[in-house]
């Protein structure tokens, strides 16, 4: 189980699905208040929602859940999963507004990269709003590369980022983008 003491009462550790669900239920809407309110499946369509939930539970792919804690309170989180044998997708990460500006997201990012590397993944991907410098800047500083753009019907324009662990593979990717480093 991953654990890192960040000092000043802060730490990052892996969390259970129940711990993460409780934190998200309490904080998700306030952290992501700017998203469009479009459901993937209408709430009144119970059979479709149950089918989706069943597929999510049955999926046996690698998943990672981490929490950022101040004392015993979860003040940030990350969750993601493998999209294939060598690629890890950082699905969602956040730090509560009152704890931002302390470098906690950058610390969480480094912990995620460390744990994912320990699991032998080769590439880490993520997508973000292009106007989210609080996430984009730490990721670019950590070595993520802008790899493309997406348009999502619920989340609008998104920037795709990639982190490639192997330096030779990273160089080849830069060359394919027209960048020589």
C-alpha atoms as a PDB file:
ATOM      1  CA  UNK A   1       0.000   0.000   0.000  1.00  0.00           C
ATOM      2  CA  UNK A   2       1.486   3.346  -1.079  1.00  0.00           C
ATOM      3  CA  UNK A   3       2.069   6.004   1.619  1.00  0.00           C
ATOM      4  CA  UNK A   4       4.102   9.208   1.572  1.00  0.00           C
ATOM      5  CA  UNK A   5       4.426  11.764   4.370  1.00  0.00           C
ATOM      6  CA  UNK A   6       4.483  15.300   2.898  1.00  0.00           C
ATOM      7  CA  UNK A   7       5.154  17.064   6.207  1.00  0.00           C
ATOM      8  CA  UNK A   8       3.072  19.685   8.040  1.00  0.00           C
ATOM      9  CA  UNK A   9       0.370  17.083   8.701  1.00  0.00           C
ATOM     10  CA  UNK A  10      -0.133  16.246   5.002  1.00  0.00           C
ATOM     11  CA  UNK A  11       0.239  12.800   3.454  1.00  0.00           C
ATOM     12  CA  UNK A  12      -0.729  10.817   0.358  1.00  0.00           C
ATOM     13  CA  UNK A  13      -1.880   7.209   0.564  1.00  0.00           C
ATOM     14  CA  UNK A  14      -3.885   4.663  -1.340  1.00  0.00           C
ATOM     15  CA  UNK A  15      -7.536   4.612  -0.284  1.00  0.00           C
ATOM     16  CA  UNK A  16     -10.371   2.126  -0.555  1.00  0.00           C
ATOM     17  CA  UNK A  17     -13.220   2.509  -3.007  1.00  0.00           C
ATOM     18  CA  UNK A  18     -15.548   3.277  -0.071  1.00  0.00           C
ATOM     19  CA  UNK A  19     -13.273   6.061   1.238  1.00  0.00           C
ATOM     20  CA  UNK A  20     -13.038   7.625  -2.203  1.00  0.00           C
ATOM     21  CA  UNK A  21     -16.803   7.379  -2.815  1.00  0.00           C
ATOM     22  CA  UNK A  22     -17.488   9.114   0.511  1.00  0.00           C
ATOM     23  CA  UNK A  23     -15.079  11.953  -0.296  1.00  0.00           C
ATOM     24  CA  UNK A  24     -16.455  12.369  -3.820  1.00  0.00           C
ATOM     25  CA  UNK A  25     -20.064  12.353  -2.598  1.00  0.00           C
ATOM     26  CA  UNK A  26     -19.226  15.194  -0.239  1.00  0.00           C
ATOM     27  CA  UNK A  27     -16.924  17.289  -2.450  1.00  0.00           C
ATOM     28  CA  UNK A  28     -17.148  16.498  -6.182  1.00  0.00           C
ATOM     29  CA  UNK A  29     -19.820  19.063  -7.109  1.00  0.00           C
ATOM     30  CA  UNK A  30     -18.024  21.920  -5.349  1.00  0.00           C
ATOM     31  CA  UNK A  31     -14.664  21.084  -6.920  1.00  0.00           C
ATOM     32  CA  UNK A  32     -16.080  20.695 -10.444  1.00  0.00           C
ATOM     33  CA  UNK A  33     -18.831  23.317 -10.316  1.00  0.00           C
ATOM     34  CA  UNK A  34     -18.118  24.556 -13.868  1.00  0.00           C
ATOM     35  CA  UNK A  35     -19.051  21.328 -15.658  1.00  0.00           C
ATOM     36  CA  UNK A  36     -22.147  20.973 -17.793  1.00  0.00           C
ATOM     37  CA  UNK A  37     -25.023  19.209 -16.096  1.00  0.00           C
ATOM     38  CA  UNK A  38     -25.637  16.550 -18.741  1.00  0.00           C
ATOM     39  CA  UNK A  39     -26.014  12.996 -17.485  1.00  0.00           C
ATOM     40  CA  UNK A  40     -24.546  10.113 -19.442  1.00  0.00           C
ATOM     41  CA  UNK A  41     -27.799   8.185 -18.838  1.00  0.00           C
ATOM     42  CA  UNK A  42     -31.074   9.724 -17.713  1.00  0.00           C
ATOM     43  CA  UNK A  43     -31.583   9.012 -13.992  1.00  0.00           C
ATOM     44  CA  UNK A  44     -35.104   7.715 -14.574  1.00  0.00           C
ATOM     45  CA  UNK A  45     -33.769   4.946 -16.849  1.00  0.00           C
ATOM     46  CA  UNK A  46     -32.988   2.552 -13.989  1.00  0.00           C
ATOM     47  CA  UNK A  47     -32.272  -0.509 -16.154  1.00  0.00           C
ATOM     48  CA  UNK A  48     -29.628   1.343 -18.198  1.00  0.00           C
ATOM     49  CA  UNK A  49     -28.025   2.771 -15.054  1.00  0.00           C
ATOM     50  CA  UNK A  50     -27.935  -0.712 -13.461  1.00  0.00           C
ATOM     51  CA  UNK A  51     -26.364  -2.202 -16.582  1.00  0.00           C
ATOM     52  CA  UNK A  52     -23.644   0.482 -16.604  1.00  0.00           C
ATOM     53  CA  UNK A  53     -23.015   0.023 -12.872  1.00  0.00           C
ATOM     54  CA  UNK A  54     -22.759  -3.738 -13.339  1.00  0.00           C
ATOM     55  CA  UNK A  55     -20.183  -3.345 -16.108  1.00  0.00           C
ATOM     56  CA  UNK A  56     -18.142  -0.971 -13.964  1.00  0.00           C
ATOM     57  CA  UNK A  57     -18.142  -3.413 -11.035  1.00  0.00           C
ATOM     58  CA  UNK A  58     -17.323  -6.431 -13.215  1.00  0.00           C
ATOM     59  CA  UNK A  59     -14.324  -4.764 -14.823  1.00  0.00           C
ATOM     60  CA  UNK A  60     -11.121  -6.311 -13.491  1.00  0.00           C
ATOM     61  CA  UNK A  61      -8.620  -3.839 -14.903  1.00  0.00           C
ATOM     62  CA  UNK A  62      -5.938  -2.290 -12.683  1.00  0.00           C
ATOM     63  CA  UNK A  63      -7.327   0.634 -10.702  1.00  0.00           C
ATOM     64  CA  UNK A  64      -5.639   3.083  -8.380  1.00  0.00           C
ATOM     65  CA  UNK A  65      -7.222   5.332  -5.777  1.00  0.00           C
ATOM     66  CA  UNK A  66      -5.157   7.770  -3.706  1.00  0.00           C
ATOM     67  CA  UNK A  67      -6.092  10.392  -1.185  1.00  0.00           C
ATOM     68  CA  UNK A  68      -4.294  13.497   0.038  1.00  0.00           C
ATOM     69  CA  UNK A  69      -4.828  13.890   3.747  1.00  0.00           C
ATOM     70  CA  UNK A  70      -4.402  16.680   6.237  1.00  0.00           C
ATOM     71  CA  UNK A  71      -4.367  14.904   9.573  1.00  0.00           C
ATOM     72  CA  UNK A  72      -7.254  12.426   9.119  1.00  0.00           C
ATOM     73  CA  UNK A  73      -9.291  14.465   6.612  1.00  0.00           C
ATOM     74  CA  UNK A  74      -9.126  13.668   2.898  1.00  0.00           C
ATOM     75  CA  UNK A  75      -8.470  17.019   1.184  1.00  0.00           C
ATOM     76  CA  UNK A  76      -7.669  15.710  -2.293  1.00  0.00           C
ATOM     77  CA  UNK A  77      -7.855  12.568  -4.395  1.00  0.00           C
ATOM     78  CA  UNK A  78      -6.876  10.735  -7.507  1.00  0.00           C
ATOM     79  CA  UNK A  79      -8.448   7.782  -9.249  1.00  0.00           C
ATOM     80  CA  UNK A  80      -7.632   6.114 -12.528  1.00  0.00           C
ATOM     81  CA  UNK A  81      -7.252   2.811 -14.318  1.00  0.00           C
ATOM     82  CA  UNK A  82      -5.377   0.867 -16.967  1.00  0.00           C
ATOM     83  CA  UNK A  83      -6.697   1.332 -20.488  1.00  0.00           C
ATOM     84  CA  UNK A  84      -4.451  -1.456 -21.759  1.00  0.00           C
ATOM     85  CA  UNK A  85      -1.492  -3.470 -20.484  1.00  0.00           C
ATOM     86  CA  UNK A  86       0.964  -0.588 -20.713  1.00  0.00           C
ATOM     87  CA  UNK A  87      -1.185   2.571 -20.414  1.00  0.00           C
ATOM     88  CA  UNK A  88      -2.574   4.114 -17.237  1.00  0.00           C
ATOM     89  CA  UNK A  89      -5.306   6.765 -17.493  1.00  0.00           C
ATOM     90  CA  UNK A  90      -5.478   9.444 -14.782  1.00  0.00           C
ATOM     91  CA  UNK A  91      -9.254   9.784 -14.771  1.00  0.00           C
ATOM     92  CA  UNK A  92      -9.813  12.355 -12.035  1.00  0.00           C
ATOM     93  CA  UNK A  93      -7.707  14.282  -9.526  1.00  0.00           C
ATOM     94  CA  UNK A  94      -8.506  17.264  -7.352  1.00  0.00           C
ATOM     95  CA  UNK A  95      -7.564  19.195  -4.238  1.00  0.00           C
ATOM     96  CA  UNK A  96     -10.264  20.940  -2.216  1.00  0.00           C
ATOM     97  CA  UNK A  97     -10.280  24.716  -2.853  1.00  0.00           C
ATOM     98  CA  UNK A  98      -9.214  25.680   0.671  1.00  0.00           C
ATOM     99  CA  UNK A  99      -6.077  23.501   0.349  1.00  0.00           C
ATOM    100  CA  UNK A 100      -4.945  24.710  -3.073  1.00  0.00           C
ATOM    101  CA  UNK A 101      -1.785  26.743  -3.572  1.00  0.00           C
ATOM    102  CA  UNK A 102       0.251  24.534  -1.212  1.00  0.00           C
ATOM    103  CA  UNK A 103       1.782  22.307  -3.901  1.00  0.00           C
ATOM    104  CA  UNK A 104      -0.406  19.354  -2.890  1.00  0.00           C
ATOM    105  CA  UNK A 105      -1.537  18.572  -6.436  1.00  0.00           C
ATOM    106  CA  UNK A 106       2.094  18.406  -7.602  1.00  0.00           C
ATOM    107  CA  UNK A 107       2.937  16.086  -4.705  1.00  0.00           C
ATOM    108  CA  UNK A 108      -0.064  13.891  -5.483  1.00  0.00           C
ATOM    109  CA  UNK A 109       0.948  13.786  -9.154  1.00  0.00           C
ATOM    110  CA  UNK A 110       4.467  12.624  -8.272  1.00  0.00           C
ATOM    111  CA  UNK A 111       3.035   9.942  -5.969  1.00  0.00           C
ATOM    112  CA  UNK A 112       0.734   8.699  -8.737  1.00  0.00           C
ATOM    113  CA  UNK A 113       3.628   8.599 -11.229  1.00  0.00           C
ATOM    114  CA  UNK A 114       5.789   6.743  -8.707  1.00  0.00           C
ATOM    115  CA  UNK A 115       3.114   4.136  -7.937  1.00  0.00           C
ATOM    116  CA  UNK A 116       2.196   3.654 -11.616  1.00  0.00           C
ATOM    117  CA  UNK A 117       5.879   3.177 -12.488  1.00  0.00           C
ATOM    118  CA  UNK A 118       6.131   0.564  -9.716  1.00  0.00           C
ATOM    119  CA  UNK A 119       3.303  -1.253 -11.511  1.00  0.00           C
ATOM    120  CA  UNK A 120       5.438  -1.246 -14.715  1.00  0.00           C
ATOM    121  CA  UNK A 121       3.157   0.926 -16.840  1.00  0.00           C
ATOM    122  CA  UNK A 122       4.928   2.601 -19.764  1.00  0.00           C
ATOM    123  CA  UNK A 123       2.612   5.550 -20.497  1.00  0.00           C
ATOM    124  CA  UNK A 124       0.305   7.730 -18.400  1.00  0.00           C
ATOM    125  CA  UNK A 125      -2.488   9.686 -20.089  1.00  0.00           C
ATOM    126  CA  UNK A 126      -4.971  12.305 -18.945  1.00  0.00           C
ATOM    127  CA  UNK A 127      -7.352  14.869 -20.399  1.00  0.00           C
ATOM    128  CA  UNK A 128      -8.107  18.338 -19.015  1.00  0.00           C
ATOM    129  CA  UNK A 129      -9.832  21.599 -19.728  1.00  0.00           C
ATOM    130  CA  UNK A 130      -7.288  23.778 -21.550  1.00  0.00           C
ATOM    131  CA  UNK A 131      -7.960  26.623 -19.096  1.00  0.00           C
ATOM    132  CA  UNK A 132      -6.910  24.642 -16.009  1.00  0.00           C
ATOM    133  CA  UNK A 133      -3.378  25.881 -15.267  1.00  0.00           C
ATOM    134  CA  UNK A 134      -3.480  24.472 -11.713  1.00  0.00           C
ATOM    135  CA  UNK A 135      -3.282  20.984 -13.281  1.00  0.00           C
ATOM    136  CA  UNK A 136      -1.631  21.629 -16.646  1.00  0.00           C
ATOM    137  CA  UNK A 137       1.430  23.480 -15.313  1.00  0.00           C
ATOM    138  CA  UNK A 138       2.432  20.822 -12.743  1.00  0.00           C
ATOM    139  CA  UNK A 139       1.916  18.086 -15.339  1.00  0.00           C
ATOM    140  CA  UNK A 140       3.984  19.884 -17.986  1.00  0.00           C
ATOM    141  CA  UNK A 141       6.723  20.546 -15.400  1.00  0.00           C
ATOM    142  CA  UNK A 142       6.662  16.838 -14.496  1.00  0.00           C
ATOM    143  CA  UNK A 143       7.319  15.910 -18.136  1.00  0.00           C
ATOM    144  CA  UNK A 144       3.857  15.367 -19.592  1.00  0.00           C
ATOM    145  CA  UNK A 145       3.518  16.217 -23.281  1.00  0.00           C
ATOM    146  CA  UNK A 146       0.496  17.759 -24.994  1.00  0.00           C
ATOM    147  CA  UNK A 147      -0.564  15.025 -27.397  1.00  0.00           C
ATOM    148  CA  UNK A 148      -3.865  16.259 -28.779  1.00  0.00           C
ATOM    149  CA  UNK A 149      -7.289  17.791 -28.306  1.00  0.00           C
ATOM    150  CA  UNK A 150     -10.697  16.232 -27.775  1.00  0.00           C
ATOM    151  CA  UNK A 151     -14.193  17.600 -27.819  1.00  0.00           C
ATOM    152  CA  UNK A 152     -16.551  15.892 -25.403  1.00  0.00           C
ATOM    153  CA  UNK A 153     -20.314  16.456 -25.460  1.00  0.00           C
ATOM    154  CA  UNK A 154     -20.424  16.867 -21.668  1.00  0.00           C
ATOM    155  CA  UNK A 155     -17.009  18.340 -20.827  1.00  0.00           C
ATOM    156  CA  UNK A 156     -16.390  20.464 -23.970  1.00  0.00           C
ATOM    157  CA  UNK A 157     -12.829  21.078 -25.238  1.00  0.00           C
ATOM    158  CA  UNK A 158     -10.139  18.980 -23.576  1.00  0.00           C
ATOM    159  CA  UNK A 159      -6.352  18.734 -23.881  1.00  0.00           C
ATOM    160  CA  UNK A 160      -4.790  15.261 -23.932  1.00  0.00           C
ATOM    161  CA  UNK A 161      -1.509  14.851 -22.055  1.00  0.00           C
ATOM    162  CA  UNK A 162       0.926  11.904 -22.092  1.00  0.00           C
ATOM    163  CA  UNK A 163       3.771  10.958 -19.818  1.00  0.00           C
ATOM    164  CA  UNK A 164       6.209   8.427 -21.251  1.00  0.00           C
ATOM    165  CA  UNK A 165       8.620   6.793 -18.796  1.00  0.00           C
ATOM    166  CA  UNK A 166      11.188   5.413 -21.262  1.00  0.00           C
ATOM    167  CA  UNK A 167      13.479   8.226 -22.458  1.00  0.00           C
ATOM    168  CA  UNK A 168      14.098   6.731 -25.919  1.00  0.00           C
ATOM    169  CA  UNK A 169      10.391   6.238 -26.492  1.00  0.00           C
ATOM    170  CA  UNK A 170       9.829   9.831 -25.282  1.00  0.00           C
ATOM    171  CA  UNK A 171      12.410  11.130 -27.786  1.00  0.00           C
ATOM    172  CA  UNK A 172      10.757   9.228 -30.641  1.00  0.00           C
ATOM    173  CA  UNK A 173       7.378  10.652 -29.630  1.00  0.00           C
ATOM    174  CA  UNK A 174       8.827  14.196 -29.593  1.00  0.00           C
ATOM    175  CA  UNK A 175      10.293  13.606 -33.072  1.00  0.00           C
ATOM    176  CA  UNK A 176       6.933  12.426 -34.380  1.00  0.00           C
ATOM    177  CA  UNK A 177       5.435  15.699 -33.106  1.00  0.00           C
ATOM    178  CA  UNK A 178       8.134  17.682 -34.914  1.00  0.00           C
ATOM    179  CA  UNK A 179      10.025  18.522 -31.724  1.00  0.00           C
ATOM    180  CA  UNK A 180      13.702  17.712 -31.385  1.00  0.00           C
ATOM    181  CA  UNK A 181      14.878  17.547 -27.767  1.00  0.00           C
END
